[in-house]
């Protein structure tokens, strides 16, 4: 379950990058820092929305294991989700998500911005190519699909 969030995040990011590379190629520039930042933020927001109920369930299961008398309230992830739904409805699965989004989305946005900038420097140093070459490759691959 823990790997689902970053997996979704990276898939979303790469899927956002394809049309952004086409747009950048059409305007004759590379993808801007702000665009990398926004793509990273959107990707993380989507991943968080999709996986938040599972994170809530995991949190409750961890708290359930910590009881001193050894009794358990929950039988597993599905049981936790059912009980939350029965008590609060679908809204219960997303209770407190706003704080989680603020925490994770900004971090991921800066992470992808930094990743792209470091990648640009590495490509220039080791291959003598810039991100523009990579954007052209991504845009060309998207045209084939």
Protein backbone atom coordinates (compact mmCIF):
# COMPACT_ATOMS: atom_id res chain seq x y z
CA UNK A 1 0.00 0.00 0.00
CA UNK A 2 2.85 2.39 0.81
CA UNK A 3 4.24 2.20 -2.73
CA UNK A 4 0.91 3.03 -4.36
CA UNK A 5 1.13 6.78 -3.65
CA UNK A 6 4.55 7.42 -5.25
CA UNK A 7 3.71 5.05 -8.10
CA UNK A 8 0.56 7.00 -8.92
CA UNK A 9 2.44 10.26 -8.44
CA UNK A 10 5.17 9.39 -10.95
CA UNK A 11 2.73 7.99 -13.53
CA UNK A 12 0.63 11.17 -13.28
CA UNK A 13 3.73 13.35 -13.56
CA UNK A 14 4.96 11.58 -16.68
CA UNK A 15 1.48 11.73 -18.22
CA UNK A 16 1.34 15.48 -17.54
CA UNK A 17 4.84 15.90 -18.96
CA UNK A 18 3.90 14.52 -22.39
CA UNK A 19 1.42 17.26 -23.39
CA UNK A 20 3.55 19.88 -21.64
CA UNK A 21 6.55 18.85 -23.76
CA UNK A 22 4.40 19.26 -26.89
CA UNK A 23 3.31 22.72 -25.77
CA UNK A 24 6.89 23.73 -24.97
CA UNK A 25 8.08 22.45 -28.34
CA UNK A 26 5.36 24.42 -30.17
CA UNK A 27 6.36 27.64 -28.46
CA UNK A 28 10.05 26.89 -29.09
CA UNK A 29 11.16 26.76 -25.45
CA UNK A 30 11.73 24.18 -22.77
CA UNK A 31 9.25 23.47 -20.01
CA UNK A 32 9.56 26.28 -17.46
CA UNK A 33 10.36 25.91 -13.78
CA UNK A 34 6.85 27.03 -12.90
CA UNK A 35 5.38 24.38 -15.20
CA UNK A 36 7.53 21.65 -13.59
CA UNK A 37 6.40 22.91 -10.16
CA UNK A 38 2.70 22.85 -11.15
CA UNK A 39 2.97 19.40 -12.78
CA UNK A 40 4.60 18.03 -9.61
CA UNK A 41 1.89 19.59 -7.45
CA UNK A 42 -0.94 18.20 -9.59
CA UNK A 43 0.62 14.73 -9.69
CA UNK A 44 1.01 14.59 -5.92
CA UNK A 45 -2.49 15.97 -5.31
CA UNK A 46 -3.99 13.23 -7.50
CA UNK A 47 -1.93 10.52 -5.82
CA UNK A 48 -2.91 11.77 -2.38
CA UNK A 49 -6.62 11.93 -3.19
CA UNK A 50 -6.57 8.36 -4.55
CA UNK A 51 -4.59 6.87 -1.65
CA UNK A 52 -5.72 8.94 1.34
CA UNK A 53 -8.41 6.48 2.51
CA UNK A 54 -5.75 3.74 2.59
CA UNK A 55 -3.42 5.97 4.59
CA UNK A 56 -6.20 6.65 7.09
CA UNK A 57 -6.86 2.91 7.39
CA UNK A 58 -3.17 2.16 7.93
CA UNK A 59 -2.97 4.83 10.61
CA UNK A 60 -5.96 3.39 12.47
CA UNK A 61 -4.55 -0.13 12.21
CA UNK A 62 -1.23 1.01 13.70
CA UNK A 63 -3.05 2.72 16.56
CA UNK A 64 -5.14 -0.42 17.06
CA UNK A 65 -2.01 -2.58 17.49
CA UNK A 66 -0.67 -0.28 20.19
CA UNK A 67 -3.33 -1.06 22.78
CA UNK A 68 -1.94 -2.22 26.10
CA UNK A 69 -4.48 -4.98 26.68
CA UNK A 70 -3.81 -6.53 23.25
CA UNK A 71 -7.39 -6.30 22.02
CA UNK A 72 -8.07 -5.15 18.48
CA UNK A 73 -10.95 -3.09 17.14
CA UNK A 74 -10.24 -3.69 13.45
CA UNK A 75 -9.75 -6.86 11.41
CA UNK A 76 -7.83 -5.22 8.54
CA UNK A 77 -7.81 -2.42 6.01
CA UNK A 78 -11.19 -3.24 4.46
CA UNK A 79 -12.75 -3.51 7.91
CA UNK A 80 -11.44 -0.05 8.86
CA UNK A 81 -12.77 1.46 5.63
CA UNK A 82 -16.19 -0.16 6.17
CA UNK A 83 -16.41 1.14 9.74
CA UNK A 84 -15.41 4.66 8.73
CA UNK A 85 -18.00 4.59 5.93
CA UNK A 86 -20.71 3.30 8.27
CA UNK A 87 -20.03 6.06 10.78
CA UNK A 88 -19.16 9.06 8.57
CA UNK A 89 -19.93 8.11 4.97
CA UNK A 90 -17.50 8.77 2.12
CA UNK A 91 -16.50 12.08 3.74
CA UNK A 92 -14.95 10.09 6.58
CA UNK A 93 -12.41 8.58 4.22
CA UNK A 94 -11.12 12.07 3.40
CA UNK A 95 -11.35 13.73 6.81
CA UNK A 96 -8.18 15.73 7.46
CA UNK A 97 -6.97 15.47 3.87
CA UNK A 98 -6.57 19.25 3.52
CA UNK A 99 -3.63 19.28 5.94
CA UNK A 100 -2.07 16.27 4.20
CA UNK A 101 -2.37 18.00 0.83
CA UNK A 102 -0.63 21.14 2.11
CA UNK A 103 2.11 19.00 3.60
CA UNK A 104 2.76 16.73 0.63
CA UNK A 105 1.82 18.73 -2.46
CA UNK A 106 4.24 21.58 -1.84
CA UNK A 107 7.03 19.16 -1.00
CA UNK A 108 6.44 17.15 -4.17
CA UNK A 109 6.19 20.28 -6.32
CA UNK A 110 9.61 21.43 -5.12
CA UNK A 111 10.93 17.87 -5.48
CA UNK A 112 10.00 17.65 -9.16
CA UNK A 113 11.25 21.17 -9.84
CA UNK A 114 14.60 20.28 -8.27
CA UNK A 115 14.71 16.91 -10.05
CA UNK A 116 14.24 18.53 -13.44
CA UNK A 117 16.80 21.25 -12.78
CA UNK A 118 19.42 18.76 -11.55
CA UNK A 119 18.67 16.51 -14.51
CA UNK A 120 19.20 19.47 -16.84
CA UNK A 121 22.64 20.16 -15.34
CA UNK A 122 23.63 16.48 -15.43
CA UNK A 123 22.57 16.14 -19.07
CA UNK A 124 24.56 19.24 -19.98
CA UNK A 125 27.67 18.10 -18.13
CA UNK A 126 27.76 14.47 -19.16
CA UNK A 127 26.02 14.39 -22.52
CA UNK A 128 26.27 17.94 -23.76
CA UNK A 129 22.48 17.89 -24.26
CA UNK A 130 19.87 19.98 -22.58
CA UNK A 131 16.33 19.33 -21.47
CA UNK A 132 15.15 20.66 -24.82
CA UNK A 133 16.47 17.47 -26.43
CA UNK A 134 14.58 15.38 -23.89
CA UNK A 135 11.38 17.39 -24.41
CA UNK A 136 11.68 16.85 -28.17
CA UNK A 137 12.08 13.10 -27.61
CA UNK A 138 9.00 13.02 -25.35
CA UNK A 139 6.94 15.07 -27.81
CA UNK A 140 8.06 12.85 -30.72
CA UNK A 141 7.16 9.69 -28.79
CA UNK A 142 3.73 11.15 -27.95
CA UNK A 143 3.07 11.89 -31.63
CA UNK A 144 3.65 8.22 -32.48
CA UNK A 145 0.88 7.12 -30.08
